[in-house]
Amino acid sequence: ILGKRLKKDFKAVSAAIAKLTDRELSEMEAAGSRDILGHSVLFSELHVSYEVQSDTGSYAAASLNNVLVLLDCTTDQEMLDEGLAREVINRIQKLRKKAKLVPTDKISVSYKIEKSRKENADLVRALTSYQGFIETSIKSPFSDKAGGNHVILSEEVDVKGSQFTLTLCGEVSQLPTSLPPPVTQWPSGRPAGPYLTVLYNKTSRDVLLSSSGQCLSSDRLETEVKAMFGLFGRNIALSSQGE
């Protein structure tokens, strides 16, 4: 509004307005206007922002009519720890992408960090306090315990200057112990019972379709095939005679 009305004098008047003290602005608000460099400027033509300075915290201010709202923006330790947890989640997602995993691949994630190092204290606390938050976000188990025998990818990562190792482990080692794993290879001969011969990249493998009288589910069959050919992190489709 002022730019259209003041035209070439706008820049000089704006600079003068910016130098007005709190008292002068209050007087201008009460009077409704003020003469600035020969121009009558209405208070309603100004956009007034508030800044709060405090030795005890950081505040953001906003006003509407006669109401002033102060928002305490001081960052506490809990917020800092949550920020570290989100950084860890980011590193895990990048690792999943690097391993070419898909959402349907069930994995566990483990970490290894030198807890005795002083510079790792904040990250260790965040990993412990926000373990549940991390697990919910990545939809996988997460702990400092080894995740399993089938390691998909292990890599050292950095979060805010702290180095630690993240390891992604596959589903094979997590199969229920109550169900005996089907035999996938035989030194000689053929298995006794229904089996499936899977051909991939000119290599064939046999998988038994039942074990202890229990048939393999489609998900379990897919897991077995991925384990045999090292296809974790990839979508696969099983077909009959290539159809």
Protein backbone atom coordinates (compact mmCIF):
# COMPACT_ATOMS: atom_id res chain seq x y z
CA ILE A 1 0.00 0.00 0.00
CA LEU A 2 2.70 2.48 0.99
CA GLY A 3 4.75 1.66 -2.10
CA LYS A 4 1.94 2.69 -4.45
CA ARG A 5 1.23 5.87 -2.51
CA LEU A 6 4.75 7.07 -1.72
CA LYS A 7 6.38 5.88 -4.97
CA LYS A 8 9.99 7.19 -5.11
CA ASP A 9 9.92 8.24 -1.42
CA PHE A 10 8.96 4.75 -0.27
CA LYS A 11 12.51 3.56 0.37
CA ALA A 12 13.46 6.55 2.53
CA VAL A 13 10.19 6.48 4.49
CA SER A 14 10.53 2.71 5.08
CA ALA A 15 14.04 3.22 6.48
CA ALA A 16 12.73 5.93 8.82
CA ILE A 17 9.88 3.70 9.99
CA ALA A 18 12.33 0.88 10.76
CA LYS A 19 14.22 3.24 13.11
CA LEU A 20 11.14 4.14 15.17
CA THR A 21 11.42 3.16 18.83
CA ASP A 22 8.84 1.10 20.71
CA ARG A 23 7.61 4.28 22.38
CA GLU A 24 7.22 6.11 19.06
CA LEU A 25 5.33 3.16 17.57
CA SER A 26 3.03 3.07 20.59
CA GLU A 27 2.35 6.81 20.21
CA MET A 28 1.69 6.29 16.48
CA GLU A 29 -0.72 3.45 17.24
CA ALA A 30 -2.60 5.61 19.76
CA ALA A 31 -2.79 8.60 17.39
CA GLY A 32 -3.58 6.46 14.36
CA SER A 33 -0.89 8.09 12.20
CA ARG A 34 2.47 9.86 12.22
CA ASP A 35 4.22 12.36 10.01
CA ILE A 36 7.34 10.77 8.56
CA LEU A 37 9.57 12.72 6.16
CA GLY A 38 6.66 14.95 5.18
CA HIS A 39 4.22 12.07 4.61
CA SER A 40 1.32 11.18 6.86
CA VAL A 41 1.62 7.43 7.45
CA LEU A 42 -1.28 5.54 8.99
CA PHE A 43 -0.48 2.93 11.62
CA SER A 44 -2.85 0.56 9.81
CA GLU A 45 -0.54 0.77 6.78
CA LEU A 46 2.32 -0.76 8.74
CA HIS A 47 3.12 -4.40 9.27
CA VAL A 48 4.42 -4.60 12.83
CA SER A 49 6.32 -7.70 13.96
CA TYR A 50 7.39 -8.39 17.52
CA GLU A 51 10.73 -9.69 18.72
CA VAL A 52 11.30 -10.91 22.26
CA GLN A 53 14.76 -10.98 23.76
CA SER A 54 15.32 -13.02 26.90
CA ASP A 55 18.27 -14.44 28.79
CA THR A 56 16.23 -17.47 29.91
CA GLY A 57 14.97 -18.80 26.58
CA SER A 58 14.10 -18.28 22.96
CA TYR A 59 10.64 -16.98 22.06
CA ALA A 60 8.67 -16.38 18.89
CA ALA A 61 6.01 -13.69 19.03
CA ALA A 62 2.82 -13.08 17.08
CA SER A 63 0.05 -10.54 17.61
CA LEU A 64 -3.53 -10.03 16.53
CA ASN A 65 -5.38 -6.86 17.50
CA ASN A 66 -4.54 -6.40 21.18
CA VAL A 67 -3.45 -10.00 21.81
CA LEU A 68 0.23 -10.93 21.94
CA VAL A 69 1.21 -14.62 21.90
CA LEU A 70 4.67 -15.83 22.92
CA LEU A 71 5.88 -19.28 21.92
CA ASP A 72 8.76 -20.75 23.90
CA CYS A 73 11.14 -22.22 21.29
CA THR A 74 13.76 -23.37 23.76
CA THR A 75 15.07 -26.79 22.75
CA ASP A 76 15.18 -29.24 25.67
CA GLN A 77 17.07 -32.52 25.92
CA GLU A 78 14.01 -34.61 25.05
CA MET A 79 13.57 -32.76 21.76
CA LEU A 80 17.28 -33.15 20.97
CA ASP A 81 17.10 -36.91 21.65
CA GLU A 82 14.06 -37.26 19.41
CA GLY A 83 15.97 -35.44 16.69
CA LEU A 84 18.82 -37.95 17.03
CA ALA A 85 16.33 -40.84 16.82
CA ARG A 86 14.91 -39.41 13.61
CA GLU A 87 18.43 -39.17 12.19
CA VAL A 88 18.94 -42.87 12.98
CA ILE A 89 15.66 -43.71 11.21
CA ASN A 90 16.90 -41.76 8.20
CA ARG A 91 20.14 -43.77 8.13
CA ILE A 92 18.21 -47.06 8.36
CA GLN A 93 15.93 -46.10 5.47
CA LYS A 94 18.95 -45.17 3.36
CA LEU A 95 20.52 -48.53 4.20
CA ARG A 96 17.31 -50.34 3.20
CA LYS A 97 17.35 -48.50 -0.11
CA LYS A 98 21.01 -49.34 -0.67
CA ALA A 99 20.23 -53.02 -0.01
CA LYS A 100 17.36 -52.76 -2.52
CA LEU A 101 14.87 -54.02 0.04
CA VAL A 102 11.15 -53.72 -0.58
CA PRO A 103 8.45 -53.05 2.05
CA THR A 104 7.38 -56.72 2.10
CA ASP A 105 10.87 -57.91 3.09
CA LYS A 106 10.82 -58.69 6.80
CA ILE A 107 14.07 -57.74 8.48
CA SER A 108 15.53 -56.91 11.86
CA VAL A 109 17.94 -54.06 12.49
CA SER A 110 20.74 -54.15 15.03
CA TYR A 111 23.33 -51.56 15.98
CA LYS A 112 26.76 -51.59 17.58
CA ILE A 113 28.17 -48.50 19.27
CA GLU A 114 30.98 -47.86 21.72
CA LYS A 115 28.94 -46.86 24.76
CA SER A 116 32.00 -45.96 26.83
CA ARG A 117 32.98 -43.09 24.54
CA LYS A 118 31.89 -39.74 25.94
CA GLU A 119 30.99 -38.30 22.54
CA ASN A 120 28.48 -41.14 22.02
CA ALA A 121 26.57 -40.50 25.28
CA ASP A 122 23.74 -38.50 23.69
CA LEU A 123 23.22 -40.97 20.86
CA VAL A 124 23.31 -43.98 23.20
CA ARG A 125 20.63 -42.35 25.35
CA ALA A 126 18.48 -41.58 22.31
CA LEU A 127 18.83 -45.13 20.95
CA THR A 128 17.69 -46.54 24.29
CA SER A 129 14.92 -44.05 25.09
CA TYR A 130 13.44 -44.01 21.59
CA GLN A 131 13.83 -47.68 20.68
CA GLY A 132 10.04 -48.15 20.46
CA PHE A 133 9.67 -45.00 18.38
CA ILE A 134 12.34 -46.22 15.96
CA GLU A 135 10.78 -49.69 15.69
CA THR A 136 7.36 -48.18 14.94
CA SER A 137 8.83 -45.95 12.25
CA ILE A 138 10.87 -48.63 10.46
CA LYS A 139 8.28 -51.39 11.15
CA SER A 140 11.06 -53.79 12.19
CA PRO A 141 12.70 -54.97 15.40
CA PHE A 142 15.57 -52.70 16.49
CA SER A 143 18.09 -53.35 19.25
CA ASP A 144 21.77 -53.66 20.11
CA LYS A 145 21.48 -57.46 19.98
CA ALA A 146 22.59 -59.40 16.90
CA GLY A 147 19.62 -59.66 14.54
CA GLY A 148 20.34 -63.06 12.98
CA ASN A 149 22.74 -65.15 10.94
CA HIS A 150 21.66 -63.98 7.49
CA VAL A 151 23.23 -60.52 7.22
CA ILE A 152 21.87 -58.53 4.28
CA LEU A 153 23.98 -55.41 4.75
CA SER A 154 26.16 -53.95 7.50
CA GLU A 155 27.63 -50.48 7.37
CA GLU A 156 29.16 -47.84 9.64
CA VAL A 157 27.15 -44.62 9.70
CA ASP A 158 27.52 -41.20 11.28
CA VAL A 159 24.95 -39.22 13.25
CA LYS A 160 26.03 -35.83 14.56
CA GLY A 161 29.65 -36.90 14.83
CA SER A 162 28.97 -40.28 16.46
CA GLN A 163 29.94 -43.36 14.46
CA PHE A 164 28.16 -46.68 14.91
CA THR A 165 27.36 -49.77 12.88
CA LEU A 166 23.91 -50.62 11.53
CA THR A 167 23.19 -54.17 10.40
CA LEU A 168 20.19 -55.41 8.44
CA CYS A 169 19.38 -59.10 8.89
CA GLY A 170 16.99 -61.21 6.84
CA GLU A 171 13.94 -63.19 7.81
CA VAL A 172 15.48 -66.66 7.45
CA SER A 173 16.96 -66.75 10.94
CA GLN A 174 13.69 -65.57 12.47
CA LEU A 175 11.46 -68.44 11.33
CA PRO A 176 9.45 -70.06 14.17
CA THR A 177 11.45 -72.75 15.94
CA SER A 178 8.30 -74.87 16.30
CA LEU A 179 8.25 -75.49 12.53
CA PRO A 180 11.21 -77.58 11.26
CA PRO A 181 12.79 -75.82 8.28
CA PRO A 182 12.33 -77.64 4.98
CA VAL A 183 15.37 -79.20 3.40
CA THR A 184 16.51 -77.22 0.38
CA GLN A 185 19.45 -79.25 -0.91
CA TRP A 186 20.37 -82.95 -1.01
CA PRO A 187 23.88 -84.32 -1.62
CA SER A 188 22.50 -87.07 -3.85
CA GLY A 189 19.18 -88.38 -5.11
CA ARG A 190 15.78 -86.72 -4.80
CA PRO A 191 13.74 -85.94 -1.68
CA ALA A 192 11.00 -88.30 -0.56
CA GLY A 193 7.82 -86.30 -0.97
CA PRO A 194 6.51 -83.41 -3.04
CA TYR A 195 9.19 -80.94 -4.02
CA LEU A 196 9.69 -78.02 -6.35
CA THR A 197 12.68 -77.44 -8.59
CA VAL A 198 13.42 -73.74 -8.94
CA LEU A 199 15.54 -72.51 -11.83
CA TYR A 200 17.18 -69.11 -11.66
CA ASN A 201 20.01 -67.74 -13.78
CA LYS A 202 20.83 -71.24 -15.15
CA THR A 203 21.08 -72.67 -11.62
CA SER A 204 18.51 -75.08 -10.19
CA ARG A 205 17.63 -75.74 -6.56
CA ASP A 206 15.08 -78.11 -4.99
CA VAL A 207 12.81 -77.18 -2.12
CA LEU A 208 10.59 -79.63 -0.22
CA LEU A 209 6.97 -78.48 -0.26
CA SER A 210 6.13 -80.00 3.11
CA SER A 211 7.93 -80.75 6.33
CA SER A 212 6.64 -82.90 9.22
CA GLY A 213 3.30 -83.07 7.48
CA GLN A 214 2.95 -79.29 7.21
CA CYS A 215 2.79 -77.64 3.81
CA LEU A 216 4.79 -74.57 2.96
CA SER A 217 2.82 -71.34 2.71
CA SER A 218 3.39 -69.09 -0.29
CA ASP A 219 5.22 -66.55 1.91
CA ARG A 220 7.48 -69.27 3.35
CA LEU A 221 8.20 -70.62 -0.14
CA GLU A 222 9.16 -67.13 -1.30
CA THR A 223 11.50 -66.77 1.69
CA GLU A 224 13.14 -70.13 0.94
CA VAL A 225 13.71 -69.21 -2.69
CA LYS A 226 15.20 -65.83 -1.74
CA ALA A 227 17.53 -67.56 0.73
CA MET A 228 18.67 -70.14 -1.82
CA PHE A 229 19.56 -67.62 -4.51
CA GLY A 230 20.47 -64.62 -2.36
CA LEU A 231 17.55 -62.55 -3.61
CA PHE A 232 16.72 -60.59 -0.46
CA GLY A 233 15.82 -57.03 -1.34
CA ARG A 234 14.22 -57.99 -4.65
CA ASN A 235 10.67 -58.76 -5.71
CA ILE A 236 10.34 -62.25 -7.16
CA ALA A 237 7.57 -64.03 -9.04
CA LEU A 238 7.35 -67.82 -9.21
CA SER A 239 5.97 -69.31 -12.38
CA SER A 240 5.50 -72.76 -13.91
CA GLN A 241 7.92 -73.49 -16.77
CA GLY A 242 8.60 -69.82 -17.20
CA GLU A 243 4.96 -68.90 -17.84
